[in-house]
N, C-alpha and C. Protein backbone atom coordinates (compact mmCIF):
# COMPACT_ATOMS: atom_id res chain seq x y z
N MET A 1 6.38 38.20 -2.63
CA MET A 1 7.08 39.46 -2.41
C MET A 1 7.10 39.88 -0.87
N GLY A 2 5.88 39.48 -0.30
CA GLY A 2 5.91 39.96 1.25
C GLY A 2 5.44 41.22 1.28
N TRP A 3 4.90 41.98 0.27
CA TRP A 3 4.45 43.29 0.48
C TRP A 3 3.11 43.47 1.17
N SER A 4 2.82 44.24 1.78
CA SER A 4 1.62 44.72 2.59
C SER A 4 0.42 44.94 1.41
N LYS A 5 -0.79 44.84 1.68
CA LYS A 5 -1.81 44.78 0.59
C LYS A 5 -1.61 46.34 0.02
N GLN A 6 -1.55 47.43 0.79
CA GLN A 6 -1.49 48.87 0.04
C GLN A 6 -0.28 48.92 -0.99
N THR A 7 0.79 48.29 -0.21
CA THR A 7 1.88 48.30 -1.43
C THR A 7 1.62 47.77 -2.65
N ALA A 8 1.31 46.52 -2.45
CA ALA A 8 0.79 45.52 -3.66
C ALA A 8 -0.15 46.31 -4.61
N GLU A 9 -1.20 46.95 -3.95
CA GLU A 9 -2.12 47.91 -4.80
C GLU A 9 -1.23 49.10 -5.61
N ASP A 10 -0.47 49.55 -4.78
CA ASP A 10 0.17 50.72 -5.59
C ASP A 10 1.06 50.26 -6.61
N HIS A 11 1.84 49.04 -6.31
CA HIS A 11 2.49 48.51 -7.70
C HIS A 11 1.59 48.36 -8.67
N ALA A 12 0.47 47.51 -8.44
CA ALA A 12 -0.57 47.12 -9.38
C ALA A 12 -0.97 48.44 -10.21
N ARG A 13 -1.20 49.69 -9.71
CA ARG A 13 -1.69 50.84 -10.28
C ARG A 13 -0.45 51.35 -11.17
N ARG A 14 0.88 51.39 -10.71
CA ARG A 14 1.70 51.71 -11.51
C ARG A 14 1.77 50.94 -12.77
N LEU A 15 1.87 49.54 -12.51
CA LEU A 15 1.95 48.75 -13.71
C LEU A 15 0.80 48.99 -14.76
N GLU A 16 -0.33 49.13 -14.14
CA GLU A 16 -1.56 49.42 -14.84
C GLU A 16 -1.50 50.47 -15.86
N ARG A 17 -0.76 51.69 -15.19
CA ARG A 17 -0.61 53.07 -15.80
C ARG A 17 0.34 52.78 -16.76
N ALA A 18 1.55 51.89 -16.77
CA ALA A 18 2.25 51.89 -17.69
C ALA A 18 1.91 50.82 -18.95
N GLY A 19 0.69 50.23 -18.83
CA GLY A 19 0.24 49.40 -19.97
C GLY A 19 0.50 48.11 -19.79
N TRP A 20 1.02 47.56 -18.60
CA TRP A 20 1.65 46.38 -18.48
C TRP A 20 0.62 45.23 -17.91
N LEU A 21 -0.22 45.82 -17.26
CA LEU A 21 -1.36 45.15 -16.64
C LEU A 21 -2.77 45.84 -17.00
N ALA A 22 -3.65 44.77 -17.15
CA ALA A 22 -5.18 45.39 -17.33
C ALA A 22 -6.04 44.81 -16.30
N ARG A 23 -6.93 45.49 -15.76
CA ARG A 23 -7.81 45.23 -14.86
C ARG A 23 -9.36 44.89 -15.19
N GLN A 24 -9.45 43.86 -14.58
CA GLN A 24 -11.00 43.22 -15.15
C GLN A 24 -11.81 43.29 -13.74
N ARG A 25 -12.99 43.94 -13.73
CA ARG A 25 -13.71 44.01 -12.55
C ARG A 25 -14.71 42.75 -12.49
N THR A 26 -14.89 42.26 -11.11
CA THR A 26 -15.50 41.15 -10.98
C THR A 26 -16.83 41.36 -10.05
N SER A 27 -17.24 40.49 -9.46
CA SER A 27 -18.55 40.68 -8.75
C SER A 27 -18.09 41.74 -7.34
N TYR A 28 -19.24 42.39 -7.09
CA TYR A 28 -19.01 43.62 -6.02
C TYR A 28 -18.40 42.70 -4.70
N GLY A 29 -17.30 43.23 -4.13
CA GLY A 29 -16.64 42.81 -2.98
C GLY A 29 -15.56 41.66 -3.14
N GLU A 30 -15.45 41.55 -4.35
CA GLU A 30 -14.45 40.28 -4.80
C GLU A 30 -13.22 40.74 -5.26
N GLY A 31 -12.99 42.25 -5.52
CA GLY A 31 -11.99 42.74 -6.11
C GLY A 31 -11.78 42.56 -7.71
N SER A 32 -10.70 42.90 -8.38
CA SER A 32 -10.56 42.88 -9.64
C SER A 32 -9.61 41.84 -9.92
N LEU A 33 -9.45 41.16 -11.16
CA LEU A 33 -8.41 40.55 -11.56
C LEU A 33 -7.67 41.18 -12.45
N LEU A 34 -6.26 40.92 -12.28
CA LEU A 34 -5.08 41.56 -13.07
C LEU A 34 -4.55 40.84 -14.10
N LEU A 35 -4.68 41.08 -15.33
CA LEU A 35 -3.96 40.20 -16.36
C LEU A 35 -2.85 41.23 -17.11
N ALA A 36 -1.64 40.40 -16.99
CA ALA A 36 -0.75 41.02 -17.88
C ALA A 36 -0.91 40.98 -19.46
N THR A 37 -0.75 42.33 -19.89
CA THR A 37 -0.92 42.88 -21.25
C THR A 37 -0.04 42.24 -22.21
N ARG A 38 -0.10 42.42 -23.41
CA ARG A 38 0.99 41.97 -24.43
C ARG A 38 2.26 42.55 -24.05
N ASP A 39 2.46 43.86 -23.78
CA ASP A 39 3.49 44.96 -23.48
C ASP A 39 4.26 44.21 -22.06
N GLY A 40 3.20 43.86 -21.29
CA GLY A 40 3.61 43.34 -19.86
C GLY A 40 4.02 41.90 -19.85
N ILE A 41 3.68 41.11 -20.79
CA ILE A 41 4.57 39.75 -21.15
C ILE A 41 5.70 40.05 -21.80
N LYS A 42 5.73 40.96 -22.59
CA LYS A 42 7.17 41.31 -23.29
C LYS A 42 8.11 41.81 -22.29
N ARG A 43 7.82 42.55 -21.61
CA ARG A 43 8.67 43.21 -20.49
C ARG A 43 9.04 42.09 -19.45
N ALA A 44 8.31 41.19 -19.19
CA ALA A 44 8.61 39.97 -18.29
C ALA A 44 9.61 38.82 -18.93
N ALA A 45 9.43 39.11 -20.44
CA ALA A 45 10.22 37.96 -21.09
C ALA A 45 9.59 36.51 -20.73
N VAL A 46 8.26 36.54 -20.47
CA VAL A 46 7.78 35.33 -20.50
C VAL A 46 7.25 34.50 -21.69
N PRO A 47 7.64 33.38 -22.16
CA PRO A 47 7.06 32.87 -23.53
C PRO A 47 5.64 32.18 -23.54
N VAL A 48 4.76 33.27 -23.19
CA VAL A 48 3.24 32.81 -23.09
C VAL A 48 2.37 33.84 -24.07
N ALA A 49 1.18 33.47 -24.64
CA ALA A 49 0.42 34.41 -25.17
C ALA A 49 -0.37 35.18 -24.23
N PRO A 50 -0.90 36.25 -24.40
CA PRO A 50 -1.66 37.03 -23.57
C PRO A 50 -2.95 36.23 -23.26
N ALA A 51 -3.52 36.31 -22.01
CA ALA A 51 -4.68 35.74 -21.67
C ALA A 51 -5.94 36.62 -22.01
N ARG A 52 -7.01 36.00 -22.58
CA ARG A 52 -7.98 36.51 -22.83
C ARG A 52 -8.62 36.78 -21.37
N SER A 53 -9.81 37.94 -21.54
CA SER A 53 -10.33 38.13 -20.07
C SER A 53 -11.20 36.87 -20.04
N PRO A 54 -11.13 36.49 -18.94
CA PRO A 54 -12.07 35.08 -18.40
C PRO A 54 -13.55 35.49 -18.48
N ALA A 55 -14.51 34.78 -18.71
CA ALA A 55 -15.71 34.67 -18.75
C ALA A 55 -16.02 34.79 -16.88
N PRO A 56 -17.26 35.35 -16.54
CA PRO A 56 -17.69 35.22 -15.31
C PRO A 56 -17.77 33.88 -14.58
N THR A 57 -17.89 32.82 -15.52
CA THR A 57 -17.95 31.47 -14.88
C THR A 57 -16.58 30.91 -14.41
N TRP A 58 -15.46 31.75 -14.83
CA TRP A 58 -14.20 31.32 -14.58
C TRP A 58 -13.43 32.27 -13.56
N TRP A 59 -14.15 33.14 -13.12
CA TRP A 59 -13.51 33.94 -12.21
C TRP A 59 -13.03 33.55 -10.93
N ALA A 60 -14.00 32.63 -10.32
CA ALA A 60 -13.57 32.12 -9.00
C ALA A 60 -12.33 31.18 -9.35
N HIS A 61 -12.30 30.61 -10.43
CA HIS A 61 -11.18 29.54 -10.69
C HIS A 61 -9.78 30.23 -11.06
N VAL A 62 -9.95 31.31 -11.65
CA VAL A 62 -8.85 32.17 -11.88
C VAL A 62 -8.34 32.69 -10.76
N ARG A 63 -9.01 33.24 -9.86
CA ARG A 63 -8.66 33.72 -8.67
C ARG A 63 -8.00 32.57 -7.77
N ALA A 64 -8.60 31.21 -7.60
CA ALA A 64 -8.13 30.29 -6.72
C ALA A 64 -6.77 29.92 -7.37
N CYS A 65 -6.48 29.96 -8.75
CA CYS A 65 -5.18 29.61 -9.19
C CYS A 65 -4.21 30.55 -8.93
N ALA A 66 -4.75 31.81 -8.73
CA ALA A 66 -3.55 32.85 -8.44
C ALA A 66 -3.40 32.85 -6.96
N TRP A 67 -4.15 32.40 -6.19
CA TRP A 67 -4.12 32.34 -4.67
C TRP A 67 -2.88 31.34 -4.51
N THR A 68 -3.25 30.00 -5.30
CA THR A 68 -2.16 28.64 -5.28
C THR A 68 -0.84 29.09 -5.79
N ALA A 69 -0.84 29.81 -6.84
CA ALA A 69 0.38 30.15 -7.26
C ALA A 69 1.14 31.15 -6.41
N ALA A 70 0.43 32.02 -5.69
CA ALA A 70 1.32 32.88 -4.83
C ALA A 70 1.73 31.88 -3.61
N TRP A 71 0.98 30.97 -3.23
CA TRP A 71 1.31 30.16 -2.20
C TRP A 71 2.65 29.37 -2.46
N LEU A 72 2.53 28.66 -3.59
CA LEU A 72 3.72 28.14 -4.03
C LEU A 72 4.94 28.75 -4.25
N THR A 73 4.71 30.24 -4.79
CA THR A 73 5.95 31.06 -5.08
C THR A 73 6.46 31.53 -3.69
N ARG A 74 5.61 31.63 -2.60
CA ARG A 74 6.34 31.90 -1.48
C ARG A 74 6.93 30.86 -0.80
N ARG A 75 6.50 29.57 -1.09
CA ARG A 75 7.36 28.18 -0.71
C ARG A 75 8.45 28.11 -1.62
N GLY A 76 8.84 28.73 -2.72
CA GLY A 76 9.82 28.44 -3.59
C GLY A 76 9.67 27.25 -4.69
N GLN A 77 8.20 26.93 -4.94
CA GLN A 77 8.05 25.68 -5.16
C GLN A 77 7.08 25.70 -6.45
N LEU A 78 6.96 26.87 -7.26
CA LEU A 78 6.23 27.20 -8.36
C LEU A 78 7.23 26.79 -9.52
N ALA A 79 6.68 25.91 -10.21
CA ALA A 79 7.80 25.62 -11.74
C ALA A 79 6.98 26.07 -12.84
N LEU A 80 5.80 25.92 -13.12
CA LEU A 80 5.25 26.66 -14.19
C LEU A 80 3.73 27.10 -13.89
N GLY A 81 3.38 28.39 -14.49
CA GLY A 81 1.89 28.88 -14.08
C GLY A 81 0.93 28.35 -15.20
N CYS A 82 -0.10 28.94 -15.04
CA CYS A 82 -1.43 28.27 -15.86
C CYS A 82 -1.10 28.54 -17.33
N ARG A 83 -0.67 29.95 -17.61
CA ARG A 83 -0.35 30.21 -18.83
C ARG A 83 0.68 29.44 -19.73
N GLU A 84 1.77 29.25 -18.86
CA GLU A 84 2.86 28.45 -19.33
C GLU A 84 2.64 27.03 -19.50
N LEU A 85 1.74 26.41 -18.74
CA LEU A 85 1.38 24.91 -18.82
C LEU A 85 0.34 24.92 -20.26
N ALA A 86 -0.54 25.84 -20.29
CA ALA A 86 -1.38 25.72 -21.56
C ALA A 86 -0.62 25.60 -22.78
N GLY A 87 0.76 26.31 -22.94
CA GLY A 87 1.45 26.14 -23.88
C GLY A 87 2.67 25.11 -24.05
N GLU A 88 2.59 24.13 -23.28
CA GLU A 88 3.47 23.23 -23.08
C GLU A 88 2.75 21.85 -23.54
N GLU A 89 3.25 21.54 -24.81
CA GLU A 89 2.87 20.19 -25.34
C GLU A 89 3.00 19.08 -24.63
N SER A 90 4.27 19.16 -23.92
CA SER A 90 4.56 17.95 -23.06
C SER A 90 3.55 17.85 -21.78
N TRP A 91 2.96 18.63 -21.47
CA TRP A 91 1.94 18.66 -20.44
C TRP A 91 0.37 18.69 -20.76
N GLN A 92 0.18 18.21 -22.09
CA GLN A 92 -0.90 18.15 -22.48
C GLN A 92 -1.42 16.58 -22.49
N GLY A 93 -2.40 16.15 -21.82
CA GLY A 93 -3.01 14.88 -21.77
C GLY A 93 -4.25 14.68 -22.51
N GLN A 94 -4.77 13.56 -22.53
CA GLN A 94 -5.89 12.98 -23.11
C GLN A 94 -6.84 12.24 -22.21
N VAL A 95 -8.01 12.66 -21.82
CA VAL A 95 -8.82 11.97 -20.86
C VAL A 95 -10.16 11.46 -21.57
N ARG A 96 -10.53 10.18 -21.16
CA ARG A 96 -11.78 9.74 -21.86
C ARG A 96 -12.52 9.23 -20.65
N TRP A 97 -13.91 9.37 -20.74
CA TRP A 97 -14.79 9.13 -19.94
C TRP A 97 -16.34 8.77 -20.28
N ARG A 98 -17.09 8.16 -19.65
CA ARG A 98 -18.27 7.92 -20.21
C ARG A 98 -19.53 8.66 -19.40
N GLU A 99 -20.06 9.40 -20.13
CA GLU A 99 -21.54 9.95 -19.53
C GLU A 99 -22.53 9.36 -19.88
N ARG A 100 -23.68 9.65 -19.51
CA ARG A 100 -24.93 8.96 -19.78
C ARG A 100 -25.35 8.96 -21.26
N SER A 101 -24.76 10.20 -22.09
CA SER A 101 -24.91 10.29 -23.53
C SER A 101 -23.85 9.55 -24.23
N GLY A 102 -23.08 8.93 -23.59
CA GLY A 102 -21.94 8.48 -24.30
C GLY A 102 -20.55 8.54 -23.96
N TRP A 103 -19.46 8.29 -24.64
CA TRP A 103 -18.18 8.49 -24.45
C TRP A 103 -17.65 9.89 -24.75
N ARG A 104 -16.89 10.54 -23.83
CA ARG A 104 -16.32 11.87 -24.13
C ARG A 104 -14.96 11.63 -24.22
N THR A 105 -14.10 12.48 -24.81
CA THR A 105 -12.73 12.69 -24.97
C THR A 105 -12.39 14.03 -24.79
N SER A 106 -11.38 14.38 -24.22
CA SER A 106 -10.86 15.86 -24.08
C SER A 106 -9.45 15.72 -23.75
N GLY A 107 -8.87 16.96 -24.14
CA GLY A 107 -7.52 17.22 -23.67
C GLY A 107 -7.50 17.90 -22.38
N HIS A 108 -6.33 17.54 -21.72
CA HIS A 108 -6.23 18.32 -20.37
C HIS A 108 -4.85 18.46 -19.84
N HIS A 109 -4.71 19.60 -19.26
CA HIS A 109 -3.44 19.99 -18.64
C HIS A 109 -3.61 20.19 -17.06
N PRO A 110 -2.82 20.21 -16.21
CA PRO A 110 -2.86 20.72 -14.92
C PRO A 110 -2.97 22.12 -14.77
N ASP A 111 -3.42 22.49 -13.87
CA ASP A 111 -3.58 24.02 -13.49
C ASP A 111 -2.13 24.84 -13.39
N LEU A 112 -1.59 24.22 -12.53
CA LEU A 112 -0.07 24.71 -12.13
C LEU A 112 0.90 23.29 -12.10
N LEU A 113 2.18 23.76 -11.98
CA LEU A 113 3.23 22.55 -11.54
C LEU A 113 4.07 23.02 -10.62
N ARG A 114 4.14 22.13 -9.67
CA ARG A 114 4.95 22.38 -8.52
C ARG A 114 6.11 21.68 -8.40
N VAL A 115 7.31 21.96 -7.79
CA VAL A 115 8.57 21.29 -7.98
C VAL A 115 8.79 21.13 -6.53
N ILE A 116 9.17 20.10 -5.92
CA ILE A 116 9.63 19.70 -4.47
C ILE A 116 11.01 18.93 -4.69
N ASP A 117 12.07 19.36 -4.17
CA ASP A 117 13.43 18.77 -4.25
C ASP A 117 13.74 18.21 -5.57
N GLY A 118 13.20 19.01 -6.97
CA GLY A 118 13.60 18.56 -8.04
C GLY A 118 12.64 17.75 -8.70
N THR A 119 11.51 17.25 -7.97
CA THR A 119 10.51 16.45 -8.30
C THR A 119 9.14 17.16 -8.81
N SER A 120 8.60 16.97 -9.86
CA SER A 120 7.37 17.60 -10.32
C SER A 120 6.11 17.01 -9.77
N VAL A 121 5.35 17.86 -9.38
CA VAL A 121 3.94 17.47 -8.77
C VAL A 121 2.84 18.37 -9.42
N ALA A 122 1.93 17.75 -10.16
CA ALA A 122 0.99 18.43 -10.82
C ALA A 122 0.02 19.07 -9.65
N VAL A 123 -0.64 20.19 -10.14
CA VAL A 123 -1.32 20.72 -8.96
C VAL A 123 -2.99 21.05 -9.87
N GLU A 124 -3.85 20.66 -9.28
CA GLU A 124 -5.30 20.84 -9.93
C GLU A 124 -6.02 21.75 -8.95
N VAL A 125 -6.89 22.76 -9.33
CA VAL A 125 -7.59 23.57 -8.59
C VAL A 125 -9.12 23.15 -8.88
N GLU A 126 -9.89 22.66 -7.90
CA GLU A 126 -11.03 21.82 -8.15
C GLU A 126 -11.97 22.77 -7.24
N LEU A 127 -12.83 23.77 -8.26
CA LEU A 127 -13.80 24.43 -7.42
C LEU A 127 -15.19 23.96 -7.81
N ALA A 128 -15.47 23.89 -9.29
CA ALA A 128 -16.69 23.27 -9.84
C ALA A 128 -16.56 21.84 -9.73
N ARG A 129 -17.70 21.25 -9.57
CA ARG A 129 -17.95 19.88 -9.04
C ARG A 129 -17.74 19.09 -10.60
N LYS A 130 -17.00 18.32 -11.01
CA LYS A 130 -16.92 17.52 -12.23
C LYS A 130 -17.97 16.06 -11.83
N SER A 131 -18.24 15.66 -12.95
CA SER A 131 -18.94 14.31 -12.92
C SER A 131 -17.86 13.20 -12.22
N SER A 132 -18.37 12.17 -11.61
CA SER A 132 -17.36 11.27 -10.94
C SER A 132 -16.59 10.44 -12.18
N ALA A 133 -17.03 10.33 -13.27
CA ALA A 133 -16.44 9.76 -14.24
C ALA A 133 -15.18 10.59 -15.00
N ARG A 134 -15.53 11.85 -15.09
CA ARG A 134 -14.49 12.80 -15.61
C ARG A 134 -13.43 13.04 -14.54
N LEU A 135 -13.64 13.10 -13.31
CA LEU A 135 -12.93 13.30 -12.22
C LEU A 135 -11.81 12.03 -12.11
N SER A 136 -12.57 10.93 -12.19
CA SER A 136 -11.69 9.54 -12.40
C SER A 136 -10.87 9.41 -13.43
N ALA A 137 -11.29 10.00 -14.73
CA ALA A 137 -10.41 9.97 -15.87
C ALA A 137 -9.19 10.82 -15.58
N ILE A 138 -9.49 11.99 -15.17
CA ILE A 138 -8.22 12.88 -14.96
C ILE A 138 -7.29 12.43 -13.93
N LEU A 139 -7.73 11.87 -12.63
CA LEU A 139 -6.91 11.15 -11.85
C LEU A 139 -6.26 9.78 -12.48
N GLU A 140 -6.88 9.31 -13.40
CA GLU A 140 -6.09 8.29 -14.03
C GLU A 140 -4.79 8.70 -14.86
N LEU A 141 -5.16 9.84 -15.53
CA LEU A 141 -4.08 10.39 -16.31
C LEU A 141 -2.80 10.75 -15.13
N HIS A 142 -3.21 11.15 -13.88
CA HIS A 142 -2.15 11.48 -13.00
C HIS A 142 -1.46 10.14 -12.57
N ALA A 143 -2.18 9.34 -12.29
CA ALA A 143 -1.77 8.05 -11.84
C ALA A 143 -0.52 7.59 -12.97
N LEU A 144 -0.93 7.55 -14.35
CA LEU A 144 -0.18 7.12 -15.33
C LEU A 144 1.14 8.03 -15.72
N TRP A 145 1.07 9.13 -15.39
CA TRP A 145 2.30 10.17 -15.21
C TRP A 145 3.07 9.66 -13.91
N ARG A 146 2.40 9.45 -12.97
CA ARG A 146 3.29 9.03 -11.68
C ARG A 146 3.85 7.70 -11.92
N TRP A 147 3.26 6.83 -12.58
CA TRP A 147 3.82 5.47 -13.06
C TRP A 147 4.97 5.81 -13.87
N GLN A 148 4.70 6.82 -14.97
CA GLN A 148 6.17 6.85 -15.99
C GLN A 148 7.06 7.59 -15.39
N GLY A 149 7.11 8.28 -14.16
CA GLY A 149 8.00 8.99 -13.48
C GLY A 149 8.09 10.31 -13.61
N LYS A 150 6.99 10.80 -14.57
CA LYS A 150 6.92 12.34 -15.05
C LYS A 150 6.78 13.16 -13.88
N THR A 151 5.78 12.59 -12.98
CA THR A 151 5.39 13.49 -11.73
C THR A 151 5.44 12.48 -10.52
N ALA A 152 5.67 13.00 -9.33
CA ALA A 152 5.45 12.50 -8.30
C ALA A 152 4.01 12.08 -7.83
N GLY A 153 3.05 12.66 -8.48
CA GLY A 153 1.61 12.71 -8.25
C GLY A 153 1.09 13.92 -8.49
N VAL A 154 0.10 14.39 -7.56
CA VAL A 154 -0.85 15.44 -7.99
C VAL A 154 -1.27 15.98 -6.46
N MET A 155 -1.38 17.11 -6.58
CA MET A 155 -2.21 18.08 -5.37
C MET A 155 -3.23 18.70 -5.70
N TYR A 156 -4.30 18.42 -5.18
CA TYR A 156 -5.73 19.11 -5.24
C TYR A 156 -6.15 20.15 -4.32
N VAL A 157 -6.03 21.41 -4.91
CA VAL A 157 -6.93 22.41 -4.03
C VAL A 157 -8.05 22.71 -4.36
N CYS A 158 -9.21 22.22 -3.24
CA CYS A 158 -10.37 22.36 -3.47
C CYS A 158 -11.29 23.32 -2.46
N GLY A 159 -12.46 23.44 -3.11
CA GLY A 159 -13.44 24.45 -2.55
C GLY A 159 -13.92 24.28 -1.04
N SER A 160 -13.74 23.13 -0.98
CA SER A 160 -14.41 22.77 0.54
C SER A 160 -13.77 21.30 1.18
N PRO A 161 -13.95 21.18 2.38
CA PRO A 161 -13.43 19.90 2.89
C PRO A 161 -14.38 18.64 2.33
N LEU A 162 -15.54 18.90 2.09
CA LEU A 162 -16.10 17.70 1.29
C LEU A 162 -15.73 17.44 -0.06
N ALA A 163 -15.43 18.56 -0.73
CA ALA A 163 -14.66 18.29 -2.11
C ALA A 163 -13.26 17.54 -2.01
N CYS A 164 -12.62 17.85 -0.96
CA CYS A 164 -11.41 16.92 -0.68
C CYS A 164 -11.62 15.71 -0.45
N GLU A 165 -12.47 15.27 0.36
CA GLU A 165 -13.02 13.96 0.68
C GLU A 165 -13.23 13.16 -0.55
N ARG A 166 -13.99 13.85 -1.44
CA ARG A 166 -14.63 13.23 -2.58
C ARG A 166 -13.54 12.99 -3.58
N VAL A 167 -12.49 13.97 -3.76
CA VAL A 167 -11.21 13.58 -4.45
C VAL A 167 -10.54 12.59 -4.04
N GLU A 168 -10.35 12.45 -2.76
CA GLU A 168 -9.71 11.37 -2.01
C GLU A 168 -10.15 9.79 -2.39
N ARG A 169 -11.57 9.98 -2.52
CA ARG A 169 -12.36 8.64 -2.54
C ARG A 169 -12.02 8.18 -3.98
N VAL A 170 -12.29 9.02 -5.08
CA VAL A 170 -12.03 8.58 -6.50
C VAL A 170 -10.66 8.38 -6.65
N ALA A 171 -9.66 9.21 -6.18
CA ALA A 171 -8.33 8.99 -6.40
C ALA A 171 -7.74 7.27 -5.90
N GLU A 172 -8.24 7.17 -4.81
CA GLU A 172 -8.12 5.86 -4.27
C GLU A 172 -8.20 4.50 -5.36
N ARG A 173 -9.48 4.85 -5.93
CA ARG A 173 -9.74 3.92 -6.79
C ARG A 173 -8.74 3.73 -8.11
N ARG A 174 -7.84 4.97 -8.23
CA ARG A 174 -6.89 4.96 -9.38
C ARG A 174 -5.56 4.69 -8.72
N GLY A 175 -5.37 4.25 -7.46
CA GLY A 175 -4.02 3.95 -6.87
C GLY A 175 -3.47 5.11 -6.64
N LEU A 176 -4.11 6.43 -6.20
CA LEU A 176 -3.49 7.44 -5.61
C LEU A 176 -3.99 7.64 -4.11
N THR A 177 -3.11 7.61 -3.37
CA THR A 177 -3.67 8.09 -1.92
C THR A 177 -2.72 9.07 -1.14
N ARG A 178 -3.20 9.58 -0.11
CA ARG A 178 -2.44 10.60 0.60
C ARG A 178 -1.08 10.03 1.18
N GLY A 179 -0.38 11.20 1.61
CA GLY A 179 1.05 10.58 2.02
C GLY A 179 2.11 10.53 0.99
N ILE A 180 2.61 9.19 1.09
CA ILE A 180 3.61 8.78 -0.12
C ILE A 180 3.03 8.20 -1.26
N GLY A 181 1.68 8.14 -1.31
CA GLY A 181 0.78 7.60 -2.30
C GLY A 181 0.52 8.25 -3.53
N GLY A 182 1.07 9.68 -3.61
CA GLY A 182 0.94 10.25 -4.78
C GLY A 182 -0.28 11.11 -4.92
N LEU A 183 -0.77 11.53 -3.67
CA LEU A 183 -2.05 12.41 -3.53
C LEU A 183 -1.91 13.50 -2.43
N GLY A 184 -2.09 14.63 -2.67
CA GLY A 184 -2.06 15.65 -1.67
C GLY A 184 -3.30 16.48 -2.00
N VAL A 185 -3.88 16.88 -0.90
CA VAL A 185 -5.30 17.74 -0.85
C VAL A 185 -5.23 18.71 0.05
N ARG A 186 -5.64 19.98 -0.52
CA ARG A 186 -5.77 21.44 0.39
C ARG A 186 -7.00 21.81 0.29
N THR A 187 -7.62 22.61 1.14
CA THR A 187 -8.71 23.45 0.75
C THR A 187 -8.14 24.80 0.38
N LEU A 188 -8.83 25.44 -0.58
CA LEU A 188 -8.56 26.83 -0.90
C LEU A 188 -8.42 27.54 0.50
N GLU A 189 -9.01 27.68 1.56
CA GLU A 189 -8.93 28.37 2.60
C GLU A 189 -7.74 28.15 3.35
N GLU A 190 -7.14 26.68 3.35
CA GLU A 190 -5.96 26.49 3.91
C GLU A 190 -4.75 27.09 3.06
N VAL A 191 -4.89 27.08 1.86
CA VAL A 191 -3.91 27.85 0.83
C VAL A 191 -3.72 29.23 1.10
N GLN A 192 -4.93 30.13 1.19
CA GLN A 192 -5.06 31.32 1.40
C GLN A 192 -4.40 31.64 2.85
N ALA A 193 -4.68 30.92 3.76
CA ALA A 193 -4.23 31.20 5.03
C ALA A 193 -2.66 31.06 5.18
N GLU A 194 -2.15 29.99 4.63
CA GLU A 194 -0.61 29.64 4.58
C GLU A 194 0.09 30.59 3.93
N ALA A 195 -0.40 31.04 2.86
CA ALA A 195 -0.03 32.16 1.81
C ALA A 195 0.24 33.54 2.63
N GLY A 196 -0.98 33.67 3.21
CA GLY A 196 -1.02 35.09 4.10
C GLY A 196 0.02 35.13 5.26
N LYS A 197 0.44 33.85 6.08
CA LYS A 197 1.43 33.54 6.89
C LYS A 197 2.78 33.67 6.49
N LEU A 198 2.89 33.16 5.22
CA LEU A 198 4.32 33.36 4.74
C LEU A 198 4.65 34.80 4.39
N ALA A 199 3.50 35.48 3.87
CA ALA A 199 3.92 36.95 3.55
C ALA A 199 4.18 37.74 4.60
N TRP A 200 3.60 37.41 5.71
CA TRP A 200 3.46 38.25 6.91
C TRP A 200 4.91 37.92 7.46
N ALA A 201 5.33 36.62 7.37
CA ALA A 201 6.81 36.31 8.06
C ALA A 201 7.87 36.87 7.25
N THR A 202 7.67 37.19 5.80
CA THR A 202 8.62 37.77 5.17
C THR A 202 8.72 39.22 5.52
N ARG A 203 7.61 39.88 5.63
CA ARG A 203 7.60 41.38 6.04
C ARG A 203 8.20 41.52 7.44
N ALA A 204 7.78 40.66 8.27
CA ALA A 204 8.34 40.77 9.64
C ALA A 204 9.77 40.54 9.70
N ALA A 205 10.41 39.37 8.85
CA ALA A 205 11.89 39.50 8.96
C ALA A 205 12.55 40.71 8.23
N ALA A 206 11.72 41.42 7.49
CA ALA A 206 12.51 42.75 6.61
C ALA A 206 12.43 43.91 7.53
N ALA A 207 11.31 43.83 8.72
CA ALA A 207 11.33 44.92 9.46
C ALA A 207 12.41 45.37 10.15
């Protein structure tokens, strides 16, 4: 939207008073998470179920997804958000990997979906460290989707440069590389900085 922080907070309070947003307080100094209520979702006419309040272990992930969604929105590239993807059967994949205790199987869907020039790109927000085997299985799924023409690849938003490097190493073994090889990586700090610059540019243009 290109709003200032104060304007955004004022709008959030109005939506909260109207019953369209619910506020969940998190760690001191980290601010609150804002969740769309059932009435808010109905008002927005988005075909998703209301989200449950996330457990503390998910706060950082939810916040990072929100930053990434804001960044993609400012770029005009956000196709589907977290809640929309969770309800889209066509974006539900299966991953299988081996741990010391044996084989594991789990469903998996991207955190967000980006669209560039009409082409879909899956987006994964990677803050918590997964085992190499599980990360490899997820990247194998993305390599398959790229081979099938379902996506052009995947972009990872990681919590640190070291995490980005790890994703690159594992992805290369699955045939995904940076550039035109189907892999993009950004740190969360880069995403936040770019989202802020885009919002500032919008405000400056409107002044």
